[in-house]
Amino acid sequence: MTDTSTTKQFNTDTGILNAQDACIVLVKTEWNAAIVDELEKGCIAELKKHKVTNVITLTVPGAFEIPFGIKNYWSNVKKKKRPDAFIALGCVIRGETPHFDFIAKAATEGVVQLNLLLPVPTIFGVLTVENEVQAKERIGGKYGHTGERAAITALKMIALGQSFKK
């Protein structure tokens, strides 16, 4: 289980450079919309704290489609309008069949492949949980807010990439 007291991720004094000119694309799912909408709200609120205003949201049906949505966006948008990072937002809740395992694995591996393929980071903000209670605990409950963490991670990864260009 995630314990937010053991992480330095929320220390935004390091790793985040001037991010106000950054463009970030959120790719969110329609599936489990109530949870995903809260992930998106937390993510956008955190980006606004860091003065990031160029946030584009794309919607895909489910977590399985996230990698396709990101790859197609990257391939089809003009180079000048390409984002500095993508954030994948979704929620996969275990059901009675192995479908959960296939979807969670496919979404995870798809994001890994994107991180190796694209020159910009793709942040994994997809909840893979046993039930709705666990999902709610991760959108502002006792385990913090995954949307906020995804935003901070994106900003830190953009800063890391910029540091290599100096």
Protein backbone atom coordinates (compact mmCIF):
# COMPACT_ATOMS: atom_id res chain seq x y z
CA MET A 1 0.00 0.00 0.00
CA THR A 2 1.08 3.53 -0.69
CA ASP A 3 2.28 5.47 2.31
CA THR A 4 2.56 9.15 1.44
CA SER A 5 4.69 9.86 4.51
CA THR A 6 7.68 8.04 3.00
CA THR A 7 7.95 10.03 -0.21
CA LYS A 8 9.72 13.23 -1.12
CA GLN A 9 7.60 13.58 -4.24
CA PHE A 10 5.56 16.45 -2.82
CA ASN A 11 8.74 18.43 -2.18
CA THR A 12 8.39 20.81 -5.09
CA ASP A 13 11.40 22.88 -4.09
CA THR A 14 13.52 20.57 -6.22
CA GLY A 15 13.07 19.16 -9.66
CA ILE A 16 10.49 21.63 -10.96
CA LEU A 17 11.84 24.40 -13.12
CA ASN A 18 9.81 27.21 -14.59
CA ALA A 19 6.92 25.14 -15.93
CA GLN A 20 4.44 27.86 -16.83
CA ASP A 21 5.20 27.52 -20.55
CA ALA A 22 4.75 23.75 -20.51
CA CYS A 23 2.06 22.00 -22.52
CA ILE A 24 0.63 18.90 -20.89
CA VAL A 25 -1.90 16.54 -22.45
CA LEU A 26 -4.16 14.59 -20.11
CA VAL A 27 -5.60 11.41 -21.58
CA LYS A 28 -8.49 10.24 -19.45
CA THR A 29 -10.94 7.38 -19.68
CA GLU A 30 -14.73 7.39 -19.84
CA TRP A 31 -14.83 4.19 -17.79
CA ASN A 32 -15.30 4.83 -14.04
CA ALA A 33 -15.91 8.47 -14.92
CA ALA A 34 -16.73 9.70 -11.39
CA ILE A 35 -13.31 8.57 -10.13
CA VAL A 36 -11.43 9.65 -13.25
CA ASP A 37 -13.04 13.10 -13.22
CA GLU A 38 -11.69 13.57 -9.68
CA LEU A 39 -8.23 12.47 -10.84
CA GLU A 40 -8.46 15.08 -13.59
CA LYS A 41 -9.59 17.83 -11.20
CA GLY A 42 -6.71 17.15 -8.81
CA CYS A 43 -4.23 17.02 -11.67
CA ILE A 44 -5.39 20.30 -13.18
CA ALA A 45 -5.50 22.03 -9.78
CA GLU A 46 -1.88 21.01 -9.10
CA LEU A 47 -0.76 22.16 -12.55
CA LYS A 48 -2.46 25.54 -11.97
CA LYS A 49 -0.52 25.90 -8.69
CA HIS A 50 2.61 25.81 -10.83
CA LYS A 51 1.13 28.26 -13.37
CA VAL A 52 0.73 25.68 -16.13
CA THR A 53 -2.17 26.89 -18.26
CA ASN A 54 -1.67 24.95 -21.48
CA VAL A 55 -3.46 21.73 -20.54
CA ILE A 56 -5.29 19.72 -23.18
CA THR A 57 -7.65 16.90 -22.24
CA LEU A 58 -8.40 13.96 -24.52
CA THR A 59 -10.96 11.31 -23.66
CA VAL A 60 -10.69 7.66 -24.61
CA PRO A 61 -13.19 4.87 -23.82
CA GLY A 62 -11.07 2.89 -21.37
CA ALA A 63 -7.60 2.25 -19.98
CA PHE A 64 -6.75 -0.16 -22.79
CA GLU A 65 -7.11 2.71 -25.28
CA ILE A 66 -4.88 5.20 -23.43
CA PRO A 67 -1.62 4.26 -25.21
CA PHE A 68 -3.29 4.43 -28.63
CA GLY A 69 -4.74 7.86 -27.85
CA ILE A 70 -1.36 9.19 -26.74
CA LYS A 71 0.57 7.72 -29.66
CA ASN A 72 -1.95 8.98 -32.21
CA TYR A 73 -1.99 12.46 -30.69
CA TRP A 74 1.82 12.62 -30.82
CA SER A 75 1.94 11.36 -34.41
CA ASN A 76 -0.78 13.65 -35.75
CA VAL A 77 -0.24 16.99 -34.03
CA LYS A 78 2.10 19.53 -35.62
CA LYS A 79 5.61 19.54 -34.16
CA LYS A 80 5.21 23.05 -32.75
CA LYS A 81 2.14 21.94 -30.79
CA ARG A 82 3.54 18.74 -29.34
CA PRO A 83 3.28 18.52 -25.56
CA ASP A 84 6.08 18.43 -23.01
CA ALA A 85 4.40 15.51 -21.23
CA PHE A 86 1.37 13.25 -21.26
CA ILE A 87 -0.55 12.16 -18.18
CA ALA A 88 -2.64 8.99 -18.40
CA LEU A 89 -5.65 9.03 -16.06
CA GLY A 90 -7.94 6.08 -15.54
CA CYS A 91 -9.38 3.65 -13.04
CA VAL A 92 -9.56 -0.11 -13.42
CA ILE A 93 -11.56 -1.84 -10.70
CA ARG A 94 -11.28 -5.61 -10.27
CA GLY A 95 -14.41 -7.52 -11.21
CA GLU A 96 -15.34 -11.18 -11.18
CA THR A 97 -13.29 -12.17 -14.24
CA PRO A 98 -9.61 -11.98 -15.25
CA HIS A 99 -10.48 -9.01 -17.49
CA PHE A 100 -9.02 -6.69 -14.81
CA ASP A 101 -5.61 -8.35 -15.06
CA PHE A 102 -5.50 -8.04 -18.85
CA ILE A 103 -6.57 -4.39 -18.90
CA ALA A 104 -4.31 -3.30 -16.02
CA LYS A 105 -1.32 -5.04 -17.60
CA ALA A 106 -2.03 -3.68 -21.09
CA ALA A 107 -2.39 -0.10 -19.83
CA THR A 108 0.79 -0.37 -17.76
CA GLU A 109 2.86 -1.92 -20.53
CA GLY A 110 1.47 0.57 -23.04
CA VAL A 111 2.65 3.50 -20.91
CA VAL A 112 6.05 1.85 -20.45
CA GLN A 113 6.37 1.50 -24.23
CA LEU A 114 5.41 5.14 -24.74
CA ASN A 115 8.08 6.22 -22.27
CA LEU A 116 10.66 4.32 -24.30
CA LEU A 117 9.31 5.43 -27.69
CA LEU A 118 8.44 9.10 -27.28
CA PRO A 119 10.91 11.86 -26.40
CA VAL A 120 8.54 13.19 -23.72
CA PRO A 121 7.34 11.46 -20.54
CA THR A 122 4.04 9.68 -20.15
CA ILE A 123 2.97 9.66 -16.51
CA PHE A 124 0.96 6.71 -15.16
CA GLY A 125 -2.01 8.07 -13.26
CA VAL A 126 -4.16 4.97 -13.70
CA LEU A 127 -5.62 3.47 -10.55
CA THR A 128 -5.70 -0.33 -10.47
CA VAL A 129 -7.76 -1.18 -7.42
CA GLU A 130 -9.86 -3.95 -5.91
CA ASN A 131 -12.96 -1.83 -5.31
CA GLU A 132 -14.45 1.66 -5.37
CA VAL A 133 -13.49 2.31 -1.73
CA GLN A 134 -9.80 1.87 -2.62
CA ALA A 135 -10.25 4.19 -5.60
CA LYS A 136 -11.79 6.91 -3.42
CA GLU A 137 -8.92 6.57 -0.94
CA ARG A 138 -6.62 7.56 -3.82
CA ILE A 139 -8.49 10.69 -4.94
CA GLY A 140 -8.02 12.70 -1.80
CA GLY A 141 -8.51 10.06 0.86
CA LYS A 142 -6.01 8.49 3.22
CA TYR A 143 -3.60 7.60 0.40
CA GLY A 144 -3.39 11.09 -1.03
CA HIS A 145 -4.43 12.16 -4.51
CA THR A 146 -3.08 10.28 -7.51
CA GLY A 147 -4.07 13.09 -9.88
CA GLU A 148 -2.01 15.60 -7.92
CA ARG A 149 0.94 13.21 -7.76
CA ALA A 150 0.73 12.63 -11.51
CA ALA A 151 0.90 16.39 -12.14
CA ILE A 152 3.93 16.82 -9.88
CA THR A 153 5.62 13.85 -11.53
CA ALA A 154 5.01 15.34 -14.97
CA LEU A 155 6.54 18.66 -13.95
CA LYS A 156 9.56 16.95 -12.41
CA MET A 157 10.09 14.81 -15.51
CA ILE A 158 9.82 17.86 -17.79
CA ALA A 159 12.45 19.56 -15.62
CA LEU A 160 14.67 16.49 -15.81
CA GLY A 161 14.46 16.50 -19.60
CA GLN A 162 15.24 20.22 -19.72
CA SER A 163 18.28 19.73 -17.50
CA PHE A 164 19.85 17.45 -20.11
CA LYS A 165 19.55 20.15 -22.78
CA LYS A 166 21.69 22.64 -20.87
